[in-house]
Amino acid sequence: MARLISVMTRLTDHETDAALRLLLAIAMFAGHLAVLREAQQRHHQAAAAREAGDRLRARAVRNVTAHPIVRKVHIRTRGR
């Protein structure tokens, strides 16, 4: 920051305006980049949560259908 202040004191008014516009553009770009990175992080978290949910549901279905009581009920109802 000290370097930026040092450079700004040596610039003419026109150059100062250009430098400030450039600095503003860079700051806005950094802000947009931060928003993008946050969105990407949320996307990865959501994908991981969906995958975990799918795995848990698949495991639950396997466990329930493998249970002896459920198999007996399924066999009785299938024969009707």
PDB file of N, CA and C in Angstrom:
ATOM      1  N   MET A   1       0.829  -1.176   0.000  1.00  0.00           N
ATOM      2  CA  MET A   1       0.000   0.000   0.000  1.00  0.00           C
ATOM      3  C   MET A   1       0.877   1.244   0.000  1.00  0.00           C
ATOM      4  N   ALA A   2       1.969   1.177   0.718  1.00  0.00           N
ATOM      5  CA  ALA A   2       2.876   2.324   0.767  1.00  0.00           C
ATOM      6  C   ALA A   2       3.448   2.615  -0.616  1.00  0.00           C
ATOM      7  N   ARG A   3       3.740   1.573  -1.377  1.00  0.00           N
ATOM      8  CA  ARG A   3       4.257   1.778  -2.740  1.00  0.00           C
ATOM      9  C   ARG A   3       3.221   2.466  -3.614  1.00  0.00           C
ATOM     10  N   LEU A   4       1.975   2.052  -3.465  1.00  0.00           N
ATOM     11  CA  LEU A   4       0.907   2.666  -4.245  1.00  0.00           C
ATOM     12  C   LEU A   4       0.775   4.148  -3.902  1.00  0.00           C
ATOM     13  N   ILE A   5       0.816   4.478  -2.632  1.00  0.00           N
ATOM     14  CA  ILE A   5       0.731   5.887  -2.216  1.00  0.00           C
ATOM     15  C   ILE A   5       1.921   6.667  -2.754  1.00  0.00           C
ATOM     16  N   SER A   6       3.089   6.069  -2.712  1.00  0.00           N
ATOM     17  CA  SER A   6       4.294   6.735  -3.207  1.00  0.00           C
ATOM     18  C   SER A   6       4.179   7.031  -4.699  1.00  0.00           C
ATOM     19  N   VAL A   7       3.680   6.072  -5.453  1.00  0.00           N
ATOM     20  CA  VAL A   7       3.516   6.262  -6.899  1.00  0.00           C
ATOM     21  C   VAL A   7       2.451   7.319  -7.171  1.00  0.00           C
ATOM     22  N   MET A   8       1.369   7.280  -6.409  1.00  0.00           N
ATOM     23  CA  MET A   8       0.265   8.217  -6.634  1.00  0.00           C
ATOM     24  C   MET A   8       0.700   9.672  -6.416  1.00  0.00           C
ATOM     25  N   THR A   9       1.650   9.903  -5.524  1.00  0.00           N
ATOM     26  CA  THR A   9       2.088  11.289  -5.268  1.00  0.00           C
ATOM     27  C   THR A   9       2.887  11.836  -6.444  1.00  0.00           C
ATOM     28  N   ARG A  10       3.462  10.975  -7.277  1.00  0.00           N
ATOM     29  CA  ARG A  10       4.278  11.426  -8.407  1.00  0.00           C
ATOM     30  C   ARG A  10       3.499  11.564  -9.703  1.00  0.00           C
ATOM     31  N   LEU A  11       2.227  11.174  -9.715  1.00  0.00           N
ATOM     32  CA  LEU A  11       1.443  11.197 -10.939  1.00  0.00           C
ATOM     33  C   LEU A  11       0.772  12.555 -11.152  1.00  0.00           C
ATOM     34  N   THR A  12       0.528  12.863 -12.422  1.00  0.00           N
ATOM     35  CA  THR A  12      -0.244  14.067 -12.736  1.00  0.00           C
ATOM     36  C   THR A  12      -1.717  13.779 -12.467  1.00  0.00           C
ATOM     37  N   ASP A  13      -2.557  14.810 -12.557  1.00  0.00           N
ATOM     38  CA  ASP A  13      -3.987  14.619 -12.307  1.00  0.00           C
ATOM     39  C   ASP A  13      -4.598  13.607 -13.271  1.00  0.00           C
ATOM     40  N   HIS A  14      -4.227  13.716 -14.546  1.00  0.00           N
ATOM     41  CA  HIS A  14      -4.766  12.793 -15.551  1.00  0.00           C
ATOM     42  C   HIS A  14      -4.312  11.359 -15.252  1.00  0.00           C
ATOM     43  N   GLU A  15      -3.046  11.198 -14.919  1.00  0.00           N
ATOM     44  CA  GLU A  15      -2.521   9.868 -14.602  1.00  0.00           C
ATOM     45  C   GLU A  15      -3.144   9.336 -13.316  1.00  0.00           C
ATOM     46  N   THR A  16      -3.401  10.215 -12.361  1.00  0.00           N
ATOM     47  CA  THR A  16      -4.026   9.791 -11.101  1.00  0.00           C
ATOM     48  C   THR A  16      -5.427   9.263 -11.367  1.00  0.00           C
ATOM     49  N   ASP A  17      -6.185   9.974 -12.203  1.00  0.00           N
ATOM     50  CA  ASP A  17      -7.529   9.508 -12.551  1.00  0.00           C
ATOM     51  C   ASP A  17      -7.483   8.123 -13.208  1.00  0.00           C
ATOM     52  N   ALA A  18      -6.560   7.947 -14.136  1.00  0.00           N
ATOM     53  CA  ALA A  18      -6.425   6.660 -14.819  1.00  0.00           C
ATOM     54  C   ALA A  18      -6.021   5.564 -13.835  1.00  0.00           C
ATOM     55  N   ALA A  19      -5.097   5.879 -12.947  1.00  0.00           N
ATOM     56  CA  ALA A  19      -4.644   4.898 -11.962  1.00  0.00           C
ATOM     57  C   ALA A  19      -5.785   4.515 -11.018  1.00  0.00           C
ATOM     58  N   LEU A  20      -6.568   5.503 -10.603  1.00  0.00           N
ATOM     59  CA  LEU A  20      -7.698   5.208  -9.719  1.00  0.00           C
ATOM     60  C   LEU A  20      -8.770   4.377 -10.421  1.00  0.00           C
ATOM     61  N   ARG A  21      -9.014   4.672 -11.705  1.00  0.00           N
ATOM     62  CA  ARG A  21      -9.970   3.858 -12.465  1.00  0.00           C
ATOM     63  C   ARG A  21      -9.469   2.420 -12.603  1.00  0.00           C
ATOM     64  N   LEU A  22      -8.162   2.276 -12.847  1.00  0.00           N
ATOM     65  CA  LEU A  22      -7.578   0.939 -12.939  1.00  0.00           C
ATOM     66  C   LEU A  22      -7.689   0.213 -11.601  1.00  0.00           C
ATOM     67  N   LEU A  23      -7.387   0.912 -10.536  1.00  0.00           N
ATOM     68  CA  LEU A  23      -7.473   0.318  -9.198  1.00  0.00           C
ATOM     69  C   LEU A  23      -8.910  -0.111  -8.891  1.00  0.00           C
ATOM     70  N   LEU A  24      -9.879   0.720  -9.261  1.00  0.00           N
ATOM     71  CA  LEU A  24     -11.282   0.380  -9.058  1.00  0.00           C
ATOM     72  C   LEU A  24     -11.665  -0.857  -9.872  1.00  0.00           C
ATOM     73  N   ALA A  25     -11.214  -0.910 -11.122  1.00  0.00           N
ATOM     74  CA  ALA A  25     -11.513  -2.068 -11.973  1.00  0.00           C
ATOM     75  C   ALA A  25     -10.913  -3.344 -11.392  1.00  0.00           C
ATOM     76  N   ILE A  26      -9.702  -3.246 -10.887  1.00  0.00           N
ATOM     77  CA  ILE A  26      -9.052  -4.422 -10.284  1.00  0.00           C
ATOM     78  C   ILE A  26      -9.809  -4.858  -9.032  1.00  0.00           C
ATOM     79  N   ALA A  27     -10.231  -3.893  -8.213  1.00  0.00           N
ATOM     80  CA  ALA A  27     -10.978  -4.215  -6.997  1.00  0.00           C
ATOM     81  C   ALA A  27     -12.312  -4.878  -7.343  1.00  0.00           C
ATOM     82  N   MET A  28     -12.985  -4.360  -8.364  1.00  0.00           N
ATOM     83  CA  MET A  28     -14.257  -4.958  -8.781  1.00  0.00           C
ATOM     84  C   MET A  28     -14.048  -6.372  -9.325  1.00  0.00           C
ATOM     85  N   PHE A  29     -12.984  -6.561 -10.086  1.00  0.00           N
ATOM     86  CA  PHE A  29     -12.660  -7.891 -10.607  1.00  0.00           C
ATOM     87  C   PHE A  29     -12.403  -8.860  -9.458  1.00  0.00           C
ATOM     88  N   ALA A  30     -11.648  -8.423  -8.463  1.00  0.00           N
ATOM     89  CA  ALA A  30     -11.356  -9.276  -7.306  1.00  0.00           C
ATOM     90  C   ALA A  30     -12.641  -9.640  -6.567  1.00  0.00           C
ATOM     91  N   GLY A  31     -13.557  -8.684  -6.451  1.00  0.00           N
ATOM     92  CA  GLY A  31     -14.830  -8.970  -5.805  1.00  0.00           C
ATOM     93  C   GLY A  31     -15.642  -9.996  -6.566  1.00  0.00           C
ATOM     94  N   HIS A  32     -15.705  -9.847  -7.885  1.00  0.00           N
ATOM     95  CA  HIS A  32     -16.440 -10.812  -8.711  1.00  0.00           C
ATOM     96  C   HIS A  32     -15.781 -12.192  -8.665  1.00  0.00           C
ATOM     97  N   LEU A  33     -14.469 -12.210  -8.638  1.00  0.00           N
ATOM     98  CA  LEU A  33     -13.751 -13.476  -8.556  1.00  0.00           C
ATOM     99  C   LEU A  33     -14.051 -14.178  -7.235  1.00  0.00           C
ATOM    100  N   ALA A  34     -14.120 -13.425  -6.150  1.00  0.00           N
ATOM    101  CA  ALA A  34     -14.444 -14.010  -4.848  1.00  0.00           C
ATOM    102  C   ALA A  34     -15.847 -14.609  -4.857  1.00  0.00           C
ATOM    103  N   VAL A  35     -16.802 -13.920  -5.460  1.00  0.00           N
ATOM    104  CA  VAL A  35     -18.168 -14.440  -5.553  1.00  0.00           C
ATOM    105  C   VAL A  35     -18.188 -15.733  -6.368  1.00  0.00           C
ATOM    106  N   LEU A  36     -17.450 -15.756  -7.468  1.00  0.00           N
ATOM    107  CA  LEU A  36     -17.380 -16.949  -8.305  1.00  0.00           C
ATOM    108  C   LEU A  36     -16.793 -18.127  -7.531  1.00  0.00           C
ATOM    109  N   ARG A  37     -15.714 -17.891  -6.809  1.00  0.00           N
ATOM    110  CA  ARG A  37     -15.075 -18.968  -6.037  1.00  0.00           C
ATOM    111  C   ARG A  37     -16.017 -19.499  -4.957  1.00  0.00           C
ATOM    112  N   GLU A  38     -16.776 -18.616  -4.314  1.00  0.00           N
ATOM    113  CA  GLU A  38     -17.743 -19.061  -3.306  1.00  0.00           C
ATOM    114  C   GLU A  38     -18.822 -19.926  -3.946  1.00  0.00           C
ATOM    115  N   ALA A  39     -19.285 -19.530  -5.120  1.00  0.00           N
ATOM    116  CA  ALA A  39     -20.304 -20.313  -5.827  1.00  0.00           C
ATOM    117  C   ALA A  39     -19.756 -21.681  -6.222  1.00  0.00           C
ATOM    118  N   GLN A  40     -18.511 -21.722  -6.672  1.00  0.00           N
ATOM    119  CA  GLN A  40     -17.900 -23.002  -7.025  1.00  0.00           C
ATOM    120  C   GLN A  40     -17.790 -23.898  -5.806  1.00  0.00           C
ATOM    121  N   GLN A  41     -17.420 -23.328  -4.674  1.00  0.00           N
ATOM    122  CA  GLN A  41     -17.300 -24.107  -3.440  1.00  0.00           C
ATOM    123  C   GLN A  41     -18.660 -24.679  -3.046  1.00  0.00           C
ATOM    124  N   ARG A  42     -19.722 -23.849  -3.126  1.00  0.00           N
ATOM    125  CA  ARG A  42     -21.064 -24.328  -2.789  1.00  0.00           C
ATOM    126  C   ARG A  42     -21.496 -25.420  -3.762  1.00  0.00           C
ATOM    127  N   HIS A  43     -21.115 -25.289  -5.033  1.00  0.00           N
ATOM    128  CA  HIS A  43     -21.469 -26.309  -6.025  1.00  0.00           C
ATOM    129  C   HIS A  43     -20.829 -27.648  -5.653  1.00  0.00           C
ATOM    130  N   HIS A  44     -19.560 -27.619  -5.289  1.00  0.00           N
ATOM    131  CA  HIS A  44     -18.862 -28.856  -4.915  1.00  0.00           C
ATOM    132  C   HIS A  44     -19.456 -29.454  -3.639  1.00  0.00           C
ATOM    133  N   GLN A  45     -19.818 -28.603  -2.689  1.00  0.00           N
ATOM    134  CA  GLN A  45     -20.435 -29.095  -1.465  1.00  0.00           C
ATOM    135  C   GLN A  45     -21.785 -29.732  -1.755  1.00  0.00           C
ATOM    136  N   ALA A  46     -22.570 -29.117  -2.618  1.00  0.00           N
ATOM    137  CA  ALA A  46     -23.875 -29.656  -2.966  1.00  0.00           C
ATOM    138  C   ALA A  46     -23.736 -30.988  -3.696  1.00  0.00           C
ATOM    139  N   ALA A  47     -22.784 -31.080  -4.597  1.00  0.00           N
ATOM    140  CA  ALA A  47     -22.564 -32.335  -5.327  1.00  0.00           C
ATOM    141  C   ALA A  47     -22.150 -33.448  -4.362  1.00  0.00           C
ATOM    142  N   ALA A  48     -21.280 -33.121  -3.421  1.00  0.00           N
ATOM    143  CA  ALA A  48     -20.846 -34.123  -2.437  1.00  0.00           C
ATOM    144  C   ALA A  48     -22.019 -34.551  -1.553  1.00  0.00           C
ATOM    145  N   ALA A  49     -22.870 -33.607  -1.178  1.00  0.00           N
ATOM    146  CA  ALA A  49     -24.035 -33.946  -0.353  1.00  0.00           C
ATOM    147  C   ALA A  49     -25.006 -34.835  -1.114  1.00  0.00           C
ATOM    148  N   ARG A  50     -25.234 -34.527  -2.401  1.00  0.00           N
ATOM    149  CA  ARG A  50     -26.112 -35.373  -3.219  1.00  0.00           C
ATOM    150  C   ARG A  50     -25.558 -36.788  -3.327  1.00  0.00           C
ATOM    151  N   GLU A  51     -24.266 -36.892  -3.557  1.00  0.00           N
ATOM    152  CA  GLU A  51     -23.646 -38.208  -3.676  1.00  0.00           C
ATOM    153  C   GLU A  51     -23.754 -38.993  -2.372  1.00  0.00           C
ATOM    154  N   ALA A  52     -23.516 -38.323  -1.253  1.00  0.00           N
ATOM    155  CA  ALA A  52     -23.636 -38.981   0.055  1.00  0.00           C
ATOM    156  C   ALA A  52     -25.076 -39.433   0.296  1.00  0.00           C
ATOM    157  N   GLY A  53     -26.037 -38.593  -0.057  1.00  0.00           N
ATOM    158  CA  GLY A  53     -27.445 -38.966   0.097  1.00  0.00           C
ATOM    159  C   GLY A  53     -27.804 -40.173  -0.754  1.00  0.00           C
ATOM    160  N   ASP A  54     -27.340 -40.193  -1.983  1.00  0.00           N
ATOM    161  CA  ASP A  54     -27.593 -41.337  -2.864  1.00  0.00           C
ATOM    162  C   ASP A  54     -27.024 -42.623  -2.279  1.00  0.00           C
ATOM    163  N   ARG A  55     -25.813 -42.522  -1.770  1.00  0.00           N
ATOM    164  CA  ARG A  55     -25.178 -43.715  -1.183  1.00  0.00           C
ATOM    165  C   ARG A  55     -25.928 -44.188   0.060  1.00  0.00           C
ATOM    166  N   LEU A  56     -26.340 -43.240   0.905  1.00  0.00           N
ATOM    167  CA  LEU A  56     -27.075 -43.619   2.110  1.00  0.00           C
ATOM    168  C   LEU A  56     -28.415 -44.263   1.760  1.00  0.00           C
ATOM    169  N   ARG A  57     -29.126 -43.687   0.776  1.00  0.00           N
ATOM    170  CA  ARG A  57     -30.406 -44.272   0.375  1.00  0.00           C
ATOM    171  C   ARG A  57     -30.212 -45.675  -0.190  1.00  0.00           C
ATOM    172  N   ALA A  58     -29.204 -45.862  -1.017  1.00  0.00           N
ATOM    173  CA  ALA A  58     -28.944 -47.180  -1.600  1.00  0.00           C
ATOM    174  C   ALA A  58     -28.608 -48.189  -0.504  1.00  0.00           C
ATOM    175  N   ARG A  59     -27.822 -47.758   0.449  1.00  0.00           N
ATOM    176  CA  ARG A  59     -27.445 -48.649   1.549  1.00  0.00           C
ATOM    177  C   ARG A  59     -28.655 -48.991   2.412  1.00  0.00           C
ATOM    178  N   ALA A  60     -29.512 -47.995   2.665  1.00  0.00           N
ATOM    179  CA  ALA A  60     -30.704 -48.236   3.474  1.00  0.00           C
ATOM    180  C   ALA A  60     -31.643 -49.218   2.781  1.00  0.00           C
ATOM    181  N   VAL A  61     -31.811 -49.074   1.487  1.00  0.00           N
ATOM    182  CA  VAL A  61     -32.685 -49.985   0.743  1.00  0.00           C
ATOM    183  C   VAL A  61     -32.131 -51.403   0.801  1.00  0.00           C
ATOM    184  N   ARG A  62     -30.836 -51.556   0.633  1.00  0.00           N
ATOM    185  CA  ARG A  62     -30.225 -52.891   0.709  1.00  0.00           C
ATOM    186  C   ARG A  62     -30.409 -53.497   2.087  1.00  0.00           C
ATOM    187  N   ASN A  63     -30.226 -52.683   3.129  1.00  0.00           N
ATOM    188  CA  ASN A  63     -30.350 -53.199   4.491  1.00  0.00           C
ATOM    189  C   ASN A  63     -31.789 -53.585   4.809  1.00  0.00           C
ATOM    190  N   VAL A  64     -32.734 -52.776   4.377  1.00  0.00           N
ATOM    191  CA  VAL A  64     -34.141 -53.072   4.669  1.00  0.00           C
ATOM    192  C   VAL A  64     -34.596 -54.303   3.911  1.00  0.00           C
ATOM    193  N   THR A  65     -34.279 -54.400   2.642  1.00  0.00           N
ATOM    194  CA  THR A  65     -34.728 -55.553   1.857  1.00  0.00           C
ATOM    195  C   THR A  65     -34.016 -56.831   2.268  1.00  0.00           C
ATOM    196  N   ALA A  66     -32.856 -56.731   2.889  1.00  0.00           N
ATOM    197  CA  ALA A  66     -32.122 -57.920   3.319  1.00  0.00           C
ATOM    198  C   ALA A  66     -32.590 -58.412   4.687  1.00  0.00           C
ATOM    199  N   HIS A  67     -33.369 -57.598   5.395  1.00  0.00           N
ATOM    200  CA  HIS A  67     -33.821 -57.977   6.735  1.00  0.00           C
ATOM    201  C   HIS A  67     -34.793 -59.152   6.616  1.00  0.00           C
ATOM    202  N   PRO A  68     -34.657 -60.186   7.484  1.00  0.00           N
ATOM    203  CA  PRO A  68     -35.487 -61.393   7.362  1.00  0.00           C
ATOM    204  C   PRO A  68     -36.997 -61.115   7.453  1.00  0.00           C
ATOM    205  N   ILE A  69     -37.417 -60.209   8.306  1.00  0.00           N
ATOM    206  CA  ILE A  69     -38.847 -59.931   8.447  1.00  0.00           C
ATOM    207  C   ILE A  69     -39.390 -59.314   7.162  1.00  0.00           C
ATOM    208  N   VAL A  70     -38.650 -58.390   6.590  1.00  0.00           N
ATOM    209  CA  VAL A  70     -39.093 -57.745   5.356  1.00  0.00           C
ATOM    210  C   VAL A  70     -39.168 -58.772   4.230  1.00  0.00           C
ATOM    211  N   ARG A  71     -38.228 -59.688   4.174  1.00  0.00           N
ATOM    212  CA  ARG A  71     -38.258 -60.707   3.119  1.00  0.00           C
ATOM    213  C   ARG A  71     -39.482 -61.601   3.261  1.00  0.00           C
ATOM    214  N   LYS A  72     -39.838 -61.982   4.504  1.00  0.00           N
ATOM    215  CA  LYS A  72     -41.023 -62.822   4.712  1.00  0.00           C
ATOM    216  C   LYS A  72     -42.282 -62.100   4.257  1.00  0.00           C
ATOM    217  N   VAL A  73     -42.411 -60.826   4.623  1.00  0.00           N
ATOM    218  CA  VAL A  73     -43.589 -60.056   4.229  1.00  0.00           C
ATOM    219  C   VAL A  73     -43.635 -59.919   2.717  1.00  0.00           C
ATOM    220  N   HIS A  74     -42.503 -59.657   2.111  1.00  0.00           N
ATOM    221  CA  HIS A  74     -42.450 -59.500   0.653  1.00  0.00           C
ATOM    222  C   HIS A  74     -42.844 -60.797  -0.048  1.00  0.00           C
ATOM    223  N   ILE A  75     -42.368 -61.927   0.475  1.00  0.00           N
ATOM    224  CA  ILE A  75     -42.687 -63.218  -0.138  1.00  0.00           C
ATOM    225  C   ILE A  75     -44.180 -63.500   0.002  1.00  0.00           C
ATOM    226  N   ARG A  76     -44.771 -63.204   1.169  1.00  0.00           N
ATOM    227  CA  ARG A  76     -46.207 -63.455   1.383  1.00  0.00           C
ATOM    228  C   ARG A  76     -47.058 -62.564   0.466  1.00  0.00           C
ATOM    229  N   THR A  77     -46.703 -61.304   0.342  1.00  0.00           N
ATOM    230  CA  THR A  77     -47.518 -60.402  -0.464  1.00  0.00           C
ATOM    231  C   THR A  77     -47.326 -60.631  -1.953  1.00  0.00           C
ATOM    232  N   ARG A  78     -46.206 -61.134  -2.344  1.00  0.00           N
ATOM    233  CA  ARG A  78     -45.969 -61.374  -3.760  1.00  0.00           C
ATOM    234  C   ARG A  78     -46.787 -62.552  -4.265  1.00  0.00           C
ATOM    235  N   GLY A  79     -47.083 -63.505  -3.415  1.00  0.00           N
ATOM    236  CA  GLY A  79     -47.837 -64.684  -3.820  1.00  0.00           C
ATOM    237  C   GLY A  79     -49.310 -64.433  -3.997  1.00  0.00           C
ATOM    238  N   ARG A  80     -49.841 -63.293  -3.577  1.00  0.00           N
ATOM    239  CA  ARG A  80     -51.288 -63.009  -3.672  1.00  0.00           C
ATOM    240  C   ARG A  80     -51.717 -62.669  -5.056  1.00  0.00           C
TER     241      ARG A  80
END
